[in-house]
Protein backbone atom coordinates (compact mmCIF):
# COMPACT_ATOMS: atom_id res chain seq x y z
CA MET A 1 130.31 94.83 106.31
CA LYS A 2 129.35 91.69 105.16
CA PHE A 3 126.10 91.15 103.52
CA PHE A 4 123.89 88.33 103.11
CA LEU A 5 121.39 87.37 99.60
CA VAL A 6 118.15 86.08 101.37
CA VAL A 7 115.76 83.87 99.75
CA PHE A 8 111.92 84.90 100.20
CA PHE A 9 109.03 81.99 99.40
CA LEU A 10 105.81 83.11 99.18
CA PHE A 11 103.19 80.42 101.60
CA ASP A 12 99.87 81.14 102.09
CA GLY A 13 100.15 85.20 101.37
CA GLN A 14 103.66 85.22 103.78
CA TRP A 15 107.26 85.57 103.00
CA VAL A 16 108.95 83.61 104.81
CA GLN A 17 112.11 83.33 104.78
CA GLY A 18 115.24 80.64 103.43
CA ASP A 19 115.56 77.63 105.68
CA ALA A 20 119.13 76.45 105.81
CA ARG A 21 118.63 73.32 106.94
CA LYS A 22 116.80 73.34 104.06
CA GLY A 23 119.40 74.37 101.49
CA TRP A 24 118.16 77.90 100.91
CA GLY A 25 120.34 79.35 103.99
CA PRO A 26 121.19 83.68 103.50
CA VAL A 27 125.32 83.99 101.74
CA PRO A 28 127.03 85.97 102.76
CA TYR A 29 129.12 89.04 101.03
CA GLU A 30 131.93 91.17 101.92
CA THR A 31 130.76 93.83 99.54
CA GLN A 32 127.13 95.13 99.32
CA ALA A 33 128.17 95.65 95.44
CA ALA A 34 128.85 92.39 95.30
CA CYS A 35 125.97 90.93 96.67
CA LEU A 36 123.66 92.99 94.52
CA THR A 37 125.17 91.54 91.95
CA SER A 38 124.48 88.11 92.61
CA LYS A 39 120.78 88.98 93.84
CA ALA A 40 119.94 90.69 90.42
CA ARG A 41 121.86 87.02 89.05
CA ALA A 42 119.08 85.35 90.96
CA GLU A 43 116.24 87.00 89.66
CA ALA A 44 116.55 86.64 86.15
CA ILE A 45 117.80 82.65 86.18
CA TYR A 46 114.27 83.22 88.81
CA ALA A 47 112.72 84.69 85.76
CA ASP A 48 113.38 82.60 83.16
CA LEU A 49 111.51 79.58 85.40
CA ARG A 50 109.19 81.38 85.73
CA LYS A 51 108.90 81.24 82.46
CA VAL A 52 108.82 78.24 81.68
CA ASN A 53 106.85 76.73 84.94
CA ARG A 54 104.78 79.02 85.82
CA ARG A 55 103.76 77.02 88.94
CA ALA A 56 106.51 77.66 90.63
CA VAL A 57 106.74 78.49 93.56
CA LYS A 58 107.32 82.66 93.98
CA LYS A 59 110.69 84.44 95.26
CA ARG A 60 112.09 87.00 95.98
CA PHE A 61 116.02 87.89 96.61
CA GLU A 62 116.58 90.80 99.11
CA CYS A 63 120.27 91.76 100.36
CA ILE A 64 120.31 92.42 104.31
CA SER A 65 123.38 93.68 106.40
CA LYS A 66 124.49 90.96 108.52
CA SER A 67 122.66 93.55 111.72
CA ALA A 68 119.62 92.51 110.21
CA ILE A 69 119.85 89.10 110.34
CA PRO A 70 117.78 88.18 112.92
CA ALA A 71 119.56 85.13 115.44
CA LYS A 72 117.45 81.87 115.83
């Protein structure tokens, strides 16, 4: 089963999924383990960004199975 690393942004108190047209679409991984490794890396990079730019848009990273991704 494929897993996708999905980025969510906090806008006006709501978590909004990243938009593929703007370069923030889900990234596919063959295994959950690979997705979780990439998620941990993204969270570490984001934590470093927040240290130098406290005003950066809040982000959340999730590994989601292919069947849970809504079709557009």
